[in-house]
N, C-alpha and C. Protein backbone atom coordinates (compact mmCIF):
# COMPACT_ATOMS: atom_id res chain seq x y z
N UNK A 1 9.86 13.34 -5.12
CA UNK A 1 8.49 13.83 -5.16
C UNK A 1 8.22 14.64 -3.90
N UNK A 2 7.77 15.82 -4.04
CA UNK A 2 7.39 16.67 -2.91
C UNK A 2 5.87 16.68 -2.84
N UNK A 3 5.32 16.35 -1.67
CA UNK A 3 3.87 16.33 -1.52
C UNK A 3 3.35 17.74 -1.44
N UNK A 4 2.33 18.06 -2.25
CA UNK A 4 1.89 19.45 -2.34
C UNK A 4 0.37 19.64 -2.33
N UNK A 5 -0.36 18.66 -1.77
CA UNK A 5 -1.81 18.80 -1.75
C UNK A 5 -2.41 17.98 -0.62
N UNK A 6 -3.66 18.28 -0.30
CA UNK A 6 -4.34 17.49 0.71
C UNK A 6 -4.68 16.12 0.12
N UNK A 7 -4.98 15.17 0.98
CA UNK A 7 -5.34 13.83 0.55
C UNK A 7 -6.86 13.76 0.51
N UNK A 8 -7.41 13.47 -0.67
CA UNK A 8 -8.86 13.46 -0.78
C UNK A 8 -9.42 12.17 -1.39
N UNK A 9 -8.54 11.26 -1.80
CA UNK A 9 -9.01 9.99 -2.35
C UNK A 9 -8.22 8.84 -1.74
N UNK A 10 -8.76 7.65 -1.87
CA UNK A 10 -8.07 6.46 -1.36
C UNK A 10 -6.75 6.26 -2.10
N UNK A 11 -6.73 6.55 -3.38
CA UNK A 11 -5.51 6.41 -4.18
C UNK A 11 -4.43 7.37 -3.68
N UNK A 12 -4.80 8.61 -3.41
CA UNK A 12 -3.83 9.58 -2.87
C UNK A 12 -3.35 9.15 -1.48
N UNK A 13 -4.26 8.60 -0.70
CA UNK A 13 -3.92 8.10 0.64
C UNK A 13 -2.85 7.00 0.54
N UNK A 14 -3.06 6.06 -0.37
CA UNK A 14 -2.08 4.97 -0.56
C UNK A 14 -0.73 5.52 -1.03
N UNK A 15 -0.76 6.48 -1.95
CA UNK A 15 0.49 7.09 -2.42
C UNK A 15 1.21 7.81 -1.27
N UNK A 16 0.43 8.50 -0.44
CA UNK A 16 1.02 9.22 0.69
C UNK A 16 1.66 8.25 1.68
N UNK A 17 0.98 7.14 1.95
CA UNK A 17 1.55 6.13 2.86
C UNK A 17 2.84 5.55 2.29
N UNK A 18 2.83 5.27 0.99
CA UNK A 18 4.05 4.75 0.35
C UNK A 18 5.19 5.76 0.40
N UNK A 19 4.88 7.01 0.11
CA UNK A 19 5.91 8.05 0.15
C UNK A 19 6.45 8.21 1.57
N UNK A 20 5.57 8.19 2.55
CA UNK A 20 6.00 8.33 3.94
C UNK A 20 6.92 7.19 4.34
N UNK A 21 6.63 5.99 3.88
CA UNK A 21 7.49 4.85 4.23
C UNK A 21 8.90 5.01 3.67
N UNK A 22 9.05 5.74 2.57
CA UNK A 22 10.36 5.98 1.96
C UNK A 22 11.13 7.05 2.73
N UNK A 23 10.45 8.09 3.20
CA UNK A 23 11.15 9.26 3.76
C UNK A 23 11.05 9.36 5.28
N UNK A 24 10.42 8.40 5.93
CA UNK A 24 10.13 8.49 7.36
C UNK A 24 11.37 8.70 8.22
N UNK A 25 12.46 8.06 7.92
CA UNK A 25 13.66 8.11 8.76
C UNK A 25 14.64 9.24 8.44
N UNK A 26 14.26 10.13 7.56
CA UNK A 26 15.14 11.26 7.25
C UNK A 26 15.20 12.21 8.45
N UNK A 27 16.26 12.97 8.53
CA UNK A 27 16.43 13.97 9.59
C UNK A 27 15.29 14.98 9.52
N UNK A 28 14.69 15.32 10.67
CA UNK A 28 13.54 16.24 10.66
C UNK A 28 13.81 17.58 9.98
N UNK A 29 15.05 18.06 10.02
CA UNK A 29 15.36 19.36 9.41
C UNK A 29 15.62 19.29 7.91
N UNK A 30 15.69 18.08 7.35
CA UNK A 30 15.92 17.93 5.91
C UNK A 30 14.62 18.16 5.16
N UNK A 31 14.70 18.45 3.87
CA UNK A 31 13.46 18.61 3.09
C UNK A 31 12.55 17.37 3.17
N UNK A 32 13.16 16.20 3.14
CA UNK A 32 12.37 14.96 3.22
C UNK A 32 11.75 14.80 4.61
N UNK A 33 12.49 15.20 5.64
CA UNK A 33 11.96 15.12 7.00
C UNK A 33 10.78 16.04 7.21
N UNK A 34 10.87 17.25 6.65
CA UNK A 34 9.76 18.19 6.74
C UNK A 34 8.56 17.69 5.94
N UNK A 35 8.83 17.08 4.79
CA UNK A 35 7.76 16.50 3.99
C UNK A 35 7.09 15.36 4.76
N UNK A 36 7.90 14.56 5.47
CA UNK A 36 7.35 13.46 6.27
C UNK A 36 6.41 13.99 7.35
N UNK A 37 6.80 15.06 8.01
CA UNK A 37 5.93 15.66 9.04
C UNK A 37 4.61 16.13 8.43
N UNK A 38 4.69 16.75 7.27
CA UNK A 38 3.48 17.20 6.58
C UNK A 38 2.60 16.00 6.21
N UNK A 39 3.22 14.95 5.68
CA UNK A 39 2.45 13.77 5.30
C UNK A 39 1.75 13.13 6.49
N UNK A 40 2.42 13.06 7.62
CA UNK A 40 1.80 12.50 8.81
C UNK A 40 0.54 13.28 9.16
N UNK A 41 0.63 14.59 9.12
CA UNK A 41 -0.52 15.45 9.42
C UNK A 41 -1.65 15.22 8.42
N UNK A 42 -1.32 15.17 7.14
CA UNK A 42 -2.34 14.98 6.10
C UNK A 42 -2.97 13.59 6.17
N UNK A 43 -2.16 12.59 6.44
CA UNK A 43 -2.67 11.21 6.57
C UNK A 43 -3.62 11.12 7.76
N UNK A 44 -3.23 11.69 8.89
CA UNK A 44 -4.10 11.68 10.07
C UNK A 44 -5.42 12.39 9.80
N UNK A 45 -5.37 13.51 9.10
CA UNK A 45 -6.59 14.25 8.76
C UNK A 45 -7.50 13.40 7.88
N UNK A 46 -6.94 12.77 6.87
CA UNK A 46 -7.73 11.93 5.98
C UNK A 46 -8.36 10.77 6.76
N UNK A 47 -7.58 10.15 7.64
CA UNK A 47 -8.09 9.02 8.43
C UNK A 47 -9.23 9.46 9.35
N UNK A 48 -9.13 10.65 9.93
CA UNK A 48 -10.22 11.17 10.77
C UNK A 48 -11.49 11.38 9.93
N UNK A 49 -11.32 11.93 8.74
CA UNK A 49 -12.47 12.17 7.86
C UNK A 49 -13.13 10.85 7.48
N UNK A 50 -12.35 9.85 7.13
CA UNK A 50 -12.89 8.55 6.74
C UNK A 50 -13.60 7.90 7.92
N UNK A 51 -13.00 7.98 9.11
CA UNK A 51 -13.62 7.40 10.30
C UNK A 51 -14.98 8.06 10.56
N UNK A 52 -15.03 9.37 10.43
CA UNK A 52 -16.27 10.11 10.63
C UNK A 52 -17.32 9.68 9.61
N UNK A 53 -16.93 9.56 8.35
CA UNK A 53 -17.86 9.15 7.31
C UNK A 53 -18.38 7.74 7.55
N UNK A 54 -17.51 6.85 7.96
CA UNK A 54 -17.93 5.46 8.23
C UNK A 54 -18.91 5.40 9.39
N UNK A 55 -18.66 6.19 10.44
CA UNK A 55 -19.58 6.22 11.57
C UNK A 55 -20.96 6.69 11.13
N UNK A 56 -20.99 7.73 10.31
CA UNK A 56 -22.27 8.26 9.82
C UNK A 56 -22.98 7.24 8.94
N UNK A 57 -22.22 6.54 8.12
CA UNK A 57 -22.81 5.52 7.25
C UNK A 57 -23.43 4.39 8.07
N UNK A 58 -22.71 3.91 9.05
CA UNK A 58 -23.22 2.83 9.92
C UNK A 58 -24.47 3.30 10.67
N UNK A 59 -24.41 4.53 11.18
CA UNK A 59 -25.56 5.08 11.90
C UNK A 59 -26.78 5.14 10.98
N UNK A 60 -26.57 5.57 9.75
CA UNK A 60 -27.68 5.66 8.81
C UNK A 60 -28.24 4.30 8.44
N UNK A 61 -27.36 3.33 8.23
CA UNK A 61 -27.81 1.99 7.88
C UNK A 61 -28.61 1.36 9.02
N UNK A 62 -28.13 1.55 10.24
CA UNK A 62 -28.84 0.99 11.40
C UNK A 62 -30.20 1.63 11.61
N UNK A 63 -30.33 2.87 11.20
CA UNK A 63 -31.58 3.59 11.38
C UNK A 63 -32.60 3.26 10.29
N UNK A 64 -32.17 2.50 9.28
CA UNK A 64 -33.07 2.15 8.20
C UNK A 64 -33.35 3.31 7.25
N UNK A 65 -32.43 4.25 7.17
CA UNK A 65 -32.61 5.41 6.29
C UNK A 65 -32.44 5.01 4.83
N UNK A 66 -33.04 5.78 3.94
CA UNK A 66 -32.89 5.53 2.51
C UNK A 66 -31.48 5.88 2.06
N UNK A 67 -31.10 5.36 0.91
CA UNK A 67 -29.78 5.65 0.36
C UNK A 67 -29.59 7.15 0.12
N UNK A 68 -30.63 7.82 -0.32
CA UNK A 68 -30.53 9.27 -0.56
C UNK A 68 -30.27 10.02 0.75
N UNK A 69 -30.96 9.62 1.79
CA UNK A 69 -30.77 10.27 3.08
C UNK A 69 -29.37 10.00 3.61
N UNK A 70 -28.91 8.76 3.47
CA UNK A 70 -27.55 8.41 3.90
C UNK A 70 -26.54 9.23 3.11
N UNK A 71 -26.77 9.38 1.82
CA UNK A 71 -25.87 10.18 0.99
C UNK A 71 -25.82 11.62 1.47
N UNK A 72 -26.97 12.17 1.83
CA UNK A 72 -27.01 13.54 2.36
C UNK A 72 -26.24 13.65 3.67
N UNK A 73 -26.38 12.66 4.53
CA UNK A 73 -25.67 12.64 5.81
C UNK A 73 -24.17 12.60 5.57
N UNK A 74 -23.75 11.76 4.62
CA UNK A 74 -22.31 11.64 4.33
C UNK A 74 -21.75 12.94 3.77
N UNK A 75 -22.50 13.60 2.91
CA UNK A 75 -22.03 14.88 2.37
C UNK A 75 -21.89 15.92 3.49
N UNK A 76 -22.82 15.93 4.40
CA UNK A 76 -22.75 16.85 5.53
C UNK A 76 -21.55 16.53 6.41
N UNK A 77 -21.32 15.25 6.64
CA UNK A 77 -20.17 14.84 7.45
C UNK A 77 -18.86 15.24 6.77
N UNK A 78 -18.78 15.12 5.45
CA UNK A 78 -17.58 15.53 4.72
C UNK A 78 -17.32 17.03 4.93
N UNK A 79 -18.39 17.81 4.84
CA UNK A 79 -18.23 19.27 5.01
C UNK A 79 -17.72 19.60 6.41
N UNK A 80 -18.26 18.91 7.41
CA UNK A 80 -17.82 19.16 8.80
C UNK A 80 -16.39 18.69 9.03
N UNK A 81 -16.00 17.59 8.41
CA UNK A 81 -14.65 17.06 8.58
C UNK A 81 -13.62 17.98 7.97
N UNK A 82 -13.98 18.69 6.92
CA UNK A 82 -13.04 19.57 6.24
C UNK A 82 -12.89 20.91 6.93
N UNK A 83 -13.81 21.23 7.82
CA UNK A 83 -13.74 22.54 8.49
C UNK A 83 -12.96 22.47 9.79
């Protein structure tokens, strides 16, 4: 399996982690090694996005904001994380 997309769901994240565990020790110049490097980058990006979203959610909950307002904050955070 060659990874060919960004990670945007928890299910894709789990698949990426599983794939990385299989190919992690391959030589960096091999196709699997290059795929492993790509997966590390994509996994780190996804983890940063999730961390950002969780921080915004906690901030909104502590502020007593409505669910709609929190949802708007999360959507804005997603847009910023992707840029």
